[in-house]
């Protein structure tokens, strides 16, 4: 019977590859498990609260939304859109 010798660095490389694959699989399982638990526990509550709030948007909420959108347009270099939004805000007589 022959004594087979495998270079140590080949074994190390294979072990590291198997460990990377195992860690990737474990990370994916943990992520999916956490996501499923969060969805199971909170998703329905969130959707029902969001649906209830849809009809109850007030002026303050509108101000926050429009000002945030305007700032986002300005920050992304969409100055024409920001000016158009500013014109719409002024028509609505909402101070932002």
PDB file of N, CA and C in Angstrom:
ATOM      1  N   UNK A   1       0.834  -1.165   0.000  1.00  0.00           N
ATOM      2  CA  UNK A   1       0.000   0.000   0.000  1.00  0.00           C
ATOM      3  C   UNK A   1       0.887   1.238   0.000  1.00  0.00           C
ATOM      4  N   UNK A   2       0.552   2.152  -0.879  1.00  0.00           N
ATOM      5  CA  UNK A   2       1.358   3.349  -0.986  1.00  0.00           C
ATOM      6  C   UNK A   2       0.882   4.411  -0.012  1.00  0.00           C
ATOM      7  N   UNK A   3       1.813   5.155   0.450  1.00  0.00           N
ATOM      8  CA  UNK A   3       1.495   6.264   1.330  1.00  0.00           C
ATOM      9  C   UNK A   3       1.318   7.514   0.464  1.00  0.00           C
ATOM     10  N   UNK A   4       0.098   7.994   0.399  1.00  0.00           N
ATOM     11  CA  UNK A   4      -0.185   9.180  -0.400  1.00  0.00           C
ATOM     12  C   UNK A   4       0.087  10.424   0.429  1.00  0.00           C
ATOM     13  N   UNK A   5       0.767  11.327  -0.160  1.00  0.00           N
ATOM     14  CA  UNK A   5       0.986  12.580   0.565  1.00  0.00           C
ATOM     15  C   UNK A   5       0.337  13.714  -0.230  1.00  0.00           C
ATOM     16  N   UNK A   6      -0.446  14.479   0.477  1.00  0.00           N
ATOM     17  CA  UNK A   6      -1.123  15.618  -0.121  1.00  0.00           C
ATOM     18  C   UNK A   6      -0.467  16.859   0.458  1.00  0.00           C
ATOM     19  N   UNK A   7      -0.090  17.774  -0.392  1.00  0.00           N
ATOM     20  CA  UNK A   7       0.559  18.986   0.124  1.00  0.00           C
ATOM     21  C   UNK A   7      -0.339  19.711   1.131  1.00  0.00           C
ATOM     22  N   UNK A   8       0.283  20.190   2.181  1.00  0.00           N
ATOM     23  CA  UNK A   8      -0.437  20.849   3.270  1.00  0.00           C
ATOM     24  C   UNK A   8      -1.220  22.066   2.785  1.00  0.00           C
ATOM     25  N   UNK A   9      -0.639  22.850   1.875  1.00  0.00           N
ATOM     26  CA  UNK A   9      -1.329  24.053   1.418  1.00  0.00           C
ATOM     27  C   UNK A   9      -2.583  23.717   0.616  1.00  0.00           C
ATOM     28  N   UNK A  10      -2.598  22.573  -0.073  1.00  0.00           N
ATOM     29  CA  UNK A  10      -3.817  22.146  -0.772  1.00  0.00           C
ATOM     30  C   UNK A  10      -4.923  21.812   0.218  1.00  0.00           C
ATOM     31  N   UNK A  11      -4.548  21.137   1.281  1.00  0.00           N
ATOM     32  CA  UNK A  11      -5.534  20.782   2.307  1.00  0.00           C
ATOM     33  C   UNK A  11      -6.078  22.054   2.957  1.00  0.00           C
ATOM     34  N   UNK A  12      -5.184  22.966   3.301  1.00  0.00           N
ATOM     35  CA  UNK A  12      -5.621  24.226   3.915  1.00  0.00           C
ATOM     36  C   UNK A  12      -6.559  24.993   2.992  1.00  0.00           C
ATOM     37  N   UNK A  13      -6.223  25.054   1.723  1.00  0.00           N
ATOM     38  CA  UNK A  13      -7.054  25.759   0.756  1.00  0.00           C
ATOM     39  C   UNK A  13      -8.447  25.126   0.670  1.00  0.00           C
ATOM     40  N   UNK A  14      -8.492  23.807   0.632  1.00  0.00           N
ATOM     41  CA  UNK A  14      -9.780  23.119   0.552  1.00  0.00           C
ATOM     42  C   UNK A  14     -10.601  23.316   1.821  1.00  0.00           C
ATOM     43  N   UNK A  15      -9.940  23.250   2.970  1.00  0.00           N
ATOM     44  CA  UNK A  15     -10.640  23.457   4.239  1.00  0.00           C
ATOM     45  C   UNK A  15     -11.198  24.876   4.305  1.00  0.00           C
ATOM     46  N   UNK A  16     -10.400  25.857   3.903  1.00  0.00           N
ATOM     47  CA  UNK A  16     -10.870  27.242   3.913  1.00  0.00           C
ATOM     48  C   UNK A  16     -12.045  27.438   2.963  1.00  0.00           C
ATOM     49  N   UNK A  17     -11.995  26.785   1.809  1.00  0.00           N
ATOM     50  CA  UNK A  17     -13.099  26.896   0.855  1.00  0.00           C
ATOM     51  C   UNK A  17     -14.375  26.298   1.436  1.00  0.00           C
ATOM     52  N   UNK A  18     -14.260  25.138   2.055  1.00  0.00           N
ATOM     53  CA  UNK A  18     -15.428  24.498   2.670  1.00  0.00           C
ATOM     54  C   UNK A  18     -15.975  25.372   3.794  1.00  0.00           C
ATOM     55  N   UNK A  19     -15.092  25.963   4.586  1.00  0.00           N
ATOM     56  CA  UNK A  19     -15.536  26.834   5.673  1.00  0.00           C
ATOM     57  C   UNK A  19     -16.250  28.071   5.127  1.00  0.00           C
ATOM     58  N   UNK A  20     -15.710  28.673   4.047  1.00  0.00           N
ATOM     59  CA  UNK A  20     -16.376  29.829   3.437  1.00  0.00           C
ATOM     60  C   UNK A  20     -17.773  29.457   2.957  1.00  0.00           C
ATOM     61  N   UNK A  21     -17.876  28.303   2.311  1.00  0.00           N
ATOM     62  CA  UNK A  21     -19.183  27.859   1.819  1.00  0.00           C
ATOM     63  C   UNK A  21     -20.146  27.620   2.976  1.00  0.00           C
ATOM     64  N   UNK A  22     -19.648  27.009   4.044  1.00  0.00           N
ATOM     65  CA  UNK A  22     -20.503  26.756   5.205  1.00  0.00           C
ATOM     66  C   UNK A  22     -20.947  28.058   5.859  1.00  0.00           C
ATOM     67  N   UNK A  23     -20.016  29.002   6.018  1.00  0.00           N
ATOM     68  CA  UNK A  23     -20.375  30.293   6.613  1.00  0.00           C
ATOM     69  C   UNK A  23     -21.384  31.034   5.745  1.00  0.00           C
ATOM     70  N   UNK A  24     -21.185  30.993   4.439  1.00  0.00           N
ATOM     71  CA  UNK A  24     -22.127  31.662   3.536  1.00  0.00           C
ATOM     72  C   UNK A  24     -23.508  31.036   3.656  1.00  0.00           C
ATOM     73  N   UNK A  25     -23.545  29.732   3.753  1.00  0.00           N
ATOM     74  CA  UNK A  25     -24.825  29.036   3.902  1.00  0.00           C
ATOM     75  C   UNK A  25     -25.474  29.378   5.241  1.00  0.00           C
ATOM     76  N   UNK A  26     -24.668  29.416   6.300  1.00  0.00           N
ATOM     77  CA  UNK A  26     -25.205  29.750   7.617  1.00  0.00           C
ATOM     78  C   UNK A  26     -25.695  31.194   7.651  1.00  0.00           C
ATOM     79  N   UNK A  27     -24.948  32.122   7.050  1.00  0.00           N
ATOM     80  CA  UNK A  27     -25.372  33.526   7.008  1.00  0.00           C
ATOM     81  C   UNK A  27     -26.697  33.663   6.272  1.00  0.00           C
ATOM     82  N   UNK A  28     -26.812  32.960   5.169  1.00  0.00           N
ATOM     83  CA  UNK A  28     -28.048  33.011   4.387  1.00  0.00           C
ATOM     84  C   UNK A  28     -29.214  32.455   5.199  1.00  0.00           C
ATOM     85  N   UNK A  29     -28.985  31.347   5.892  1.00  0.00           N
ATOM     86  CA  UNK A  29     -30.043  30.751   6.717  1.00  0.00           C
ATOM     87  C   UNK A  29     -30.459  31.688   7.850  1.00  0.00           C
ATOM     88  N   UNK A  30     -29.486  32.304   8.514  1.00  0.00           N
ATOM     89  CA  UNK A  30     -29.792  33.227   9.612  1.00  0.00           C
ATOM     90  C   UNK A  30     -30.571  34.422   9.084  1.00  0.00           C
ATOM     91  N   UNK A  31     -30.125  34.990   7.961  1.00  0.00           N
ATOM     92  CA  UNK A  31     -30.811  36.138   7.361  1.00  0.00           C
ATOM     93  C   UNK A  31     -32.248  35.772   7.010  1.00  0.00           C
ATOM     94  N   UNK A  32     -32.430  34.660   6.318  1.00  0.00           N
ATOM     95  CA  UNK A  32     -33.783  34.257   5.913  1.00  0.00           C
ATOM     96  C   UNK A  32     -34.668  33.971   7.120  1.00  0.00           C
ATOM     97  N   UNK A  33     -34.097  33.357   8.151  1.00  0.00           N
ATOM     98  CA  UNK A  33     -34.855  33.055   9.356  1.00  0.00           C
ATOM     99  C   UNK A  33     -35.296  34.341  10.055  1.00  0.00           C
ATOM    100  N   UNK A  34     -34.368  35.290  10.200  1.00  0.00           N
ATOM    101  CA  UNK A  34     -34.709  36.568  10.844  1.00  0.00           C
ATOM    102  C   UNK A  34     -35.747  37.327  10.030  1.00  0.00           C
ATOM    103  N   UNK A  35     -35.560  37.339   8.731  1.00  0.00           N
ATOM    104  CA  UNK A  35     -36.508  38.039   7.859  1.00  0.00           C
ATOM    105  C   UNK A  35     -37.899  37.429   7.967  1.00  0.00           C
ATOM    106  N   UNK A  36     -37.957  36.116   7.988  1.00  0.00           N
ATOM    107  CA  UNK A  36     -39.248  35.434   8.098  1.00  0.00           C
ATOM    108  C   UNK A  36     -39.906  35.743   9.438  1.00  0.00           C
ATOM    109  N   UNK A  37     -39.124  35.722  10.511  1.00  0.00           N
ATOM    110  CA  UNK A  37     -39.687  36.014  11.833  1.00  0.00           C
ATOM    111  C   UNK A  37     -40.223  37.439  11.914  1.00  0.00           C
ATOM    112  N   UNK A  38     -39.457  38.381  11.371  1.00  0.00           N
ATOM    113  CA  UNK A  38     -39.894  39.779  11.389  1.00  0.00           C
ATOM    114  C   UNK A  38     -41.159  39.941  10.565  1.00  0.00           C
ATOM    115  N   UNK A  39     -41.179  39.353   9.377  1.00  0.00           N
ATOM    116  CA  UNK A  39     -42.375  39.437   8.537  1.00  0.00           C
ATOM    117  C   UNK A  39     -43.580  38.811   9.224  1.00  0.00           C
ATOM    118  N   UNK A  40     -43.377  37.641   9.820  1.00  0.00           N
ATOM    119  CA  UNK A  40     -44.489  36.958  10.490  1.00  0.00           C
ATOM    120  C   UNK A  40     -45.034  37.784  11.651  1.00  0.00           C
ATOM    121  N   UNK A  41     -44.141  38.435  12.371  1.00  0.00           N
ATOM    122  CA  UNK A  41     -44.571  39.153  13.569  1.00  0.00           C
ATOM    123  C   UNK A  41     -45.094  40.561  13.283  1.00  0.00           C
ATOM    124  N   UNK A  42     -44.475  41.266  12.345  1.00  0.00           N
ATOM    125  CA  UNK A  42     -44.781  42.687  12.193  1.00  0.00           C
ATOM    126  C   UNK A  42     -45.447  43.086  10.888  1.00  0.00           C
ATOM    127  N   UNK A  43     -45.324  42.312   9.838  1.00  0.00           N
ATOM    128  CA  UNK A  43     -45.777  42.749   8.520  1.00  0.00           C
ATOM    129  C   UNK A  43     -47.269  43.070   8.494  1.00  0.00           C
ATOM    130  N   UNK A  44     -48.087  42.176   9.002  1.00  0.00           N
ATOM    131  CA  UNK A  44     -49.537  42.407   8.972  1.00  0.00           C
ATOM    132  C   UNK A  44     -49.919  43.647   9.779  1.00  0.00           C
ATOM    133  N   UNK A  45     -49.285  43.821  10.947  1.00  0.00           N
ATOM    134  CA  UNK A  45     -49.562  45.004  11.766  1.00  0.00           C
ATOM    135  C   UNK A  45     -49.163  46.274  11.020  1.00  0.00           C
ATOM    136  N   UNK A  46     -48.005  46.238  10.385  1.00  0.00           N
ATOM    137  CA  UNK A  46     -47.522  47.403   9.651  1.00  0.00           C
ATOM    138  C   UNK A  46     -48.469  47.760   8.508  1.00  0.00           C
ATOM    139  N   UNK A  47     -48.879  46.770   7.744  1.00  0.00           N
ATOM    140  CA  UNK A  47     -49.767  47.021   6.607  1.00  0.00           C
ATOM    141  C   UNK A  47     -51.104  47.572   7.087  1.00  0.00           C
ATOM    142  N   UNK A  48     -51.651  47.009   8.152  1.00  0.00           N
ATOM    143  CA  UNK A  48     -52.944  47.499   8.635  1.00  0.00           C
ATOM    144  C   UNK A  48     -52.826  48.937   9.157  1.00  0.00           C
ATOM    145  N   UNK A  49     -51.725  49.265   9.838  1.00  0.00           N
ATOM    146  CA  UNK A  49     -51.531  50.637  10.313  1.00  0.00           C
ATOM    147  C   UNK A  49     -51.324  51.596   9.142  1.00  0.00           C
ATOM    148  N   UNK A  50     -50.592  51.151   8.138  1.00  0.00           N
ATOM    149  CA  UNK A  50     -50.371  52.001   6.964  1.00  0.00           C
ATOM    150  C   UNK A  50     -51.684  52.268   6.237  1.00  0.00           C
ATOM    151  N   UNK A  51     -52.521  51.257   6.109  1.00  0.00           N
ATOM    152  CA  UNK A  51     -53.820  51.444   5.455  1.00  0.00           C
ATOM    153  C   UNK A  51     -54.702  52.388   6.264  1.00  0.00           C
ATOM    154  N   UNK A  52     -54.646  52.286   7.584  1.00  0.00           N
ATOM    155  CA  UNK A  52     -55.446  53.162   8.438  1.00  0.00           C
ATOM    156  C   UNK A  52     -54.961  54.606   8.338  1.00  0.00           C
ATOM    157  N   UNK A  53     -53.659  54.797   8.180  1.00  0.00           N
ATOM    158  CA  UNK A  53     -53.102  56.149   8.110  1.00  0.00           C
ATOM    159  C   UNK A  53     -53.320  56.816   6.758  1.00  0.00           C
ATOM    160  N   UNK A  54     -53.591  56.029   5.739  1.00  0.00           N
ATOM    161  CA  UNK A  54     -53.748  56.580   4.395  1.00  0.00           C
ATOM    162  C   UNK A  54     -54.778  57.693   4.333  1.00  0.00           C
ATOM    163  N   UNK A  55     -55.869  57.494   5.020  1.00  0.00           N
ATOM    164  CA  UNK A  55     -56.948  58.480   4.955  1.00  0.00           C
ATOM    165  C   UNK A  55     -56.785  59.585   5.996  1.00  0.00           C
ATOM    166  N   UNK A  56     -55.751  59.511   6.810  1.00  0.00           N
ATOM    167  CA  UNK A  56     -55.581  60.479   7.890  1.00  0.00           C
ATOM    168  C   UNK A  56     -54.336  61.344   7.722  1.00  0.00           C
ATOM    169  N   UNK A  57     -53.910  61.575   6.493  1.00  0.00           N
ATOM    170  CA  UNK A  57     -52.731  62.402   6.268  1.00  0.00           C
ATOM    171  C   UNK A  57     -53.120  63.861   6.448  1.00  0.00           C
ATOM    172  N   UNK A  58     -52.413  64.544   7.317  1.00  0.00           N
ATOM    173  CA  UNK A  58     -52.713  65.942   7.609  1.00  0.00           C
ATOM    174  C   UNK A  58     -51.746  66.889   6.919  1.00  0.00           C
ATOM    175  N   UNK A  59     -51.933  68.174   7.171  1.00  0.00           N
ATOM    176  CA  UNK A  59     -51.077  69.191   6.558  1.00  0.00           C
ATOM    177  C   UNK A  59     -49.616  69.041   6.977  1.00  0.00           C
ATOM    178  N   UNK A  60     -49.394  68.712   8.241  1.00  0.00           N
ATOM    179  CA  UNK A  60     -48.014  68.551   8.703  1.00  0.00           C
ATOM    180  C   UNK A  60     -47.322  67.406   7.972  1.00  0.00           C
ATOM    181  N   UNK A  61     -48.046  66.308   7.791  1.00  0.00           N
ATOM    182  CA  UNK A  61     -47.480  65.176   7.059  1.00  0.00           C
ATOM    183  C   UNK A  61     -47.162  65.569   5.622  1.00  0.00           C
ATOM    184  N   UNK A  62     -48.064  66.317   5.012  1.00  0.00           N
ATOM    185  CA  UNK A  62     -47.858  66.770   3.641  1.00  0.00           C
ATOM    186  C   UNK A  62     -46.643  67.688   3.550  1.00  0.00           C
ATOM    187  N   UNK A  63     -46.487  68.565   4.532  1.00  0.00           N
ATOM    188  CA  UNK A  63     -45.324  69.459   4.552  1.00  0.00           C
ATOM    189  C   UNK A  63     -44.028  68.661   4.631  1.00  0.00           C
ATOM    190  N   UNK A  64     -44.017  67.679   5.499  1.00  0.00           N
ATOM    191  CA  UNK A  64     -42.815  66.859   5.667  1.00  0.00           C
ATOM    192  C   UNK A  64     -42.496  66.112   4.380  1.00  0.00           C
ATOM    193  N   UNK A  65     -43.505  65.499   3.775  1.00  0.00           N
ATOM    194  CA  UNK A  65     -43.288  64.743   2.543  1.00  0.00           C
ATOM    195  C   UNK A  65     -42.778  65.632   1.412  1.00  0.00           C
ATOM    196  N   UNK A  66     -43.431  66.758   1.208  1.00  0.00           N
ATOM    197  CA  UNK A  66     -43.040  67.636   0.108  1.00  0.00           C
ATOM    198  C   UNK A  66     -41.665  68.257   0.323  1.00  0.00           C
ATOM    199  N   UNK A  67     -41.370  68.654   1.552  1.00  0.00           N
ATOM    200  CA  UNK A  67     -40.050  69.251   1.802  1.00  0.00           C
ATOM    201  C   UNK A  67     -38.947  68.207   1.655  1.00  0.00           C
ATOM    202  N   UNK A  68     -39.208  66.987   2.089  1.00  0.00           N
ATOM    203  CA  UNK A  68     -38.224  65.917   1.936  1.00  0.00           C
ATOM    204  C   UNK A  68     -37.990  65.616   0.466  1.00  0.00           C
ATOM    205  N   UNK A  69     -39.060  65.559  -0.302  1.00  0.00           N
ATOM    206  CA  UNK A  69     -38.939  65.305  -1.732  1.00  0.00           C
ATOM    207  C   UNK A  69     -38.167  66.433  -2.420  1.00  0.00           C
ATOM    208  N   UNK A  70     -38.474  67.662  -2.052  1.00  0.00           N
ATOM    209  CA  UNK A  70     -37.780  68.819  -2.640  1.00  0.00           C
ATOM    210  C   UNK A  70     -36.287  68.772  -2.316  1.00  0.00           C
ATOM    211  N   UNK A  71     -35.944  68.480  -1.067  1.00  0.00           N
ATOM    212  CA  UNK A  71     -34.534  68.379  -0.677  1.00  0.00           C
ATOM    213  C   UNK A  71     -33.836  67.249  -1.420  1.00  0.00           C
ATOM    214  N   UNK A  72     -34.541  66.145  -1.608  1.00  0.00           N
ATOM    215  CA  UNK A  72     -33.959  65.019  -2.344  1.00  0.00           C
ATOM    216  C   UNK A  72     -33.668  65.408  -3.783  1.00  0.00           C
ATOM    217  N   UNK A  73     -34.610  66.117  -4.402  1.00  0.00           N
ATOM    218  CA  UNK A  73     -34.382  66.595  -5.766  1.00  0.00           C
ATOM    219  C   UNK A  73     -33.174  67.520  -5.824  1.00  0.00           C
ATOM    220  N   UNK A  74     -33.089  68.455  -4.879  1.00  0.00           N
ATOM    221  CA  UNK A  74     -31.966  69.390  -4.863  1.00  0.00           C
ATOM    222  C   UNK A  74     -30.643  68.664  -4.654  1.00  0.00           C
ATOM    223  N   UNK A  75     -30.622  67.714  -3.728  1.00  0.00           N
ATOM    224  CA  UNK A  75     -29.391  66.977  -3.432  1.00  0.00           C
ATOM    225  C   UNK A  75     -28.937  66.104  -4.589  1.00  0.00           C
ATOM    226  N   UNK A  76     -29.884  65.655  -5.406  1.00  0.00           N
ATOM    227  CA  UNK A  76     -29.508  64.794  -6.525  1.00  0.00           C
ATOM    228  C   UNK A  76     -29.264  65.592  -7.800  1.00  0.00           C
ATOM    229  N   UNK A  77     -29.289  66.925  -7.692  1.00  0.00           N
ATOM    230  CA  UNK A  77     -28.998  67.755  -8.844  1.00  0.00           C
ATOM    231  C   UNK A  77     -30.175  67.992  -9.769  1.00  0.00           C
ATOM    232  N   UNK A  78     -31.351  67.623  -9.335  1.00  0.00           N
ATOM    233  CA  UNK A  78     -32.553  67.801 -10.153  1.00  0.00           C
ATOM    234  C   UNK A  78     -33.201  69.135  -9.783  1.00  0.00           C
ATOM    235  N   UNK A  79     -32.505  70.210 -10.097  1.00  0.00           N
ATOM    236  CA  UNK A  79     -32.936  71.543  -9.666  1.00  0.00           C
ATOM    237  C   UNK A  79     -34.230  71.984 -10.340  1.00  0.00           C
ATOM    238  N   UNK A  80     -34.428  71.599 -11.603  1.00  0.00           N
ATOM    239  CA  UNK A  80     -35.677  71.965 -12.285  1.00  0.00           C
ATOM    240  C   UNK A  80     -36.873  71.316 -11.593  1.00  0.00           C
ATOM    241  N   UNK A  81     -36.704  70.054 -11.215  1.00  0.00           N
ATOM    242  CA  UNK A  81     -37.791  69.361 -10.519  1.00  0.00           C
ATOM    243  C   UNK A  81     -38.048  69.983  -9.154  1.00  0.00           C
ATOM    244  N   UNK A  82     -36.977  70.380  -8.477  1.00  0.00           N
ATOM    245  CA  UNK A  82     -37.136  71.024  -7.169  1.00  0.00           C
ATOM    246  C   UNK A  82     -37.877  72.348  -7.310  1.00  0.00           C
ATOM    247  N   UNK A  83     -37.561  73.103  -8.372  1.00  0.00           N
ATOM    248  CA  UNK A  83     -38.261  74.373  -8.605  1.00  0.00           C
ATOM    249  C   UNK A  83     -39.724  74.126  -8.949  1.00  0.00           C
ATOM    250  N   UNK A  84     -39.980  73.089  -9.747  1.00  0.00           N
ATOM    251  CA  UNK A  84     -41.366  72.762 -10.094  1.00  0.00           C
ATOM    252  C   UNK A  84     -42.144  72.365  -8.847  1.00  0.00           C
ATOM    253  N   UNK A  85     -41.508  71.614  -7.978  1.00  0.00           N
ATOM    254  CA  UNK A  85     -42.155  71.219  -6.732  1.00  0.00           C
ATOM    255  C   UNK A  85     -42.388  72.438  -5.843  1.00  0.00           C
ATOM    256  N   UNK A  86     -41.431  73.342  -5.818  1.00  0.00           N
ATOM    257  CA  UNK A  86     -41.589  74.577  -5.048  1.00  0.00           C
ATOM    258  C   UNK A  86     -42.777  75.379  -5.562  1.00  0.00           C
ATOM    259  N   UNK A  87     -42.949  75.415  -6.879  1.00  0.00           N
ATOM    260  CA  UNK A  87     -44.097  76.121  -7.461  1.00  0.00           C
ATOM    261  C   UNK A  87     -45.406  75.465  -7.035  1.00  0.00           C
ATOM    262  N   UNK A  88     -45.434  74.148  -7.017  1.00  0.00           N
ATOM    263  CA  UNK A  88     -46.640  73.439  -6.577  1.00  0.00           C
ATOM    264  C   UNK A  88     -46.915  73.691  -5.101  1.00  0.00           C
ATOM    265  N   UNK A  89     -45.855  73.713  -4.303  1.00  0.00           N
ATOM    266  CA  UNK A  89     -46.015  73.969  -2.868  1.00  0.00           C
ATOM    267  C   UNK A  89     -46.586  75.368  -2.653  1.00  0.00           C
ATOM    268  N   UNK A  90     -46.084  76.338  -3.422  1.00  0.00           N
ATOM    269  CA  UNK A  90     -46.588  77.707  -3.256  1.00  0.00           C
ATOM    270  C   UNK A  90     -48.048  77.814  -3.696  1.00  0.00           C
ATOM    271  N   UNK A  91     -48.455  77.041  -4.691  1.00  0.00           N
ATOM    272  CA  UNK A  91     -49.860  77.038  -5.112  1.00  0.00           C
ATOM    273  C   UNK A  91     -50.760  76.466  -4.023  1.00  0.00           C
ATOM    274  N   UNK A  92     -50.220  75.503  -3.288  1.00  0.00           N
ATOM    275  CA  UNK A  92     -51.007  74.872  -2.228  1.00  0.00           C
ATOM    276  C   UNK A  92     -51.022  75.707  -0.957  1.00  0.00           C
ATOM    277  N   UNK A  93     -50.232  76.779  -0.933  1.00  0.00           N
ATOM    278  CA  UNK A  93     -50.127  77.650   0.232  1.00  0.00           C
ATOM    279  C   UNK A  93     -49.666  76.869   1.461  1.00  0.00           C
ATOM    280  N   UNK A  94     -48.637  76.078   1.243  1.00  0.00           N
ATOM    281  CA  UNK A  94     -48.047  75.302   2.337  1.00  0.00           C
ATOM    282  C   UNK A  94     -46.642  75.830   2.551  1.00  0.00           C
ATOM    283  N   UNK A  95     -46.339  76.199   3.758  1.00  0.00           N
ATOM    284  CA  UNK A  95     -44.993  76.684   4.057  1.00  0.00           C
ATOM    285  C   UNK A  95     -44.147  75.516   4.509  1.00  0.00           C
ATOM    286  N   UNK A  96     -42.994  75.395   3.898  1.00  0.00           N
ATOM    287  CA  UNK A  96     -42.107  74.280   4.199  1.00  0.00           C
ATOM    288  C   UNK A  96     -40.857  74.781   4.865  1.00  0.00           C
TER     289      UNK A  96
END
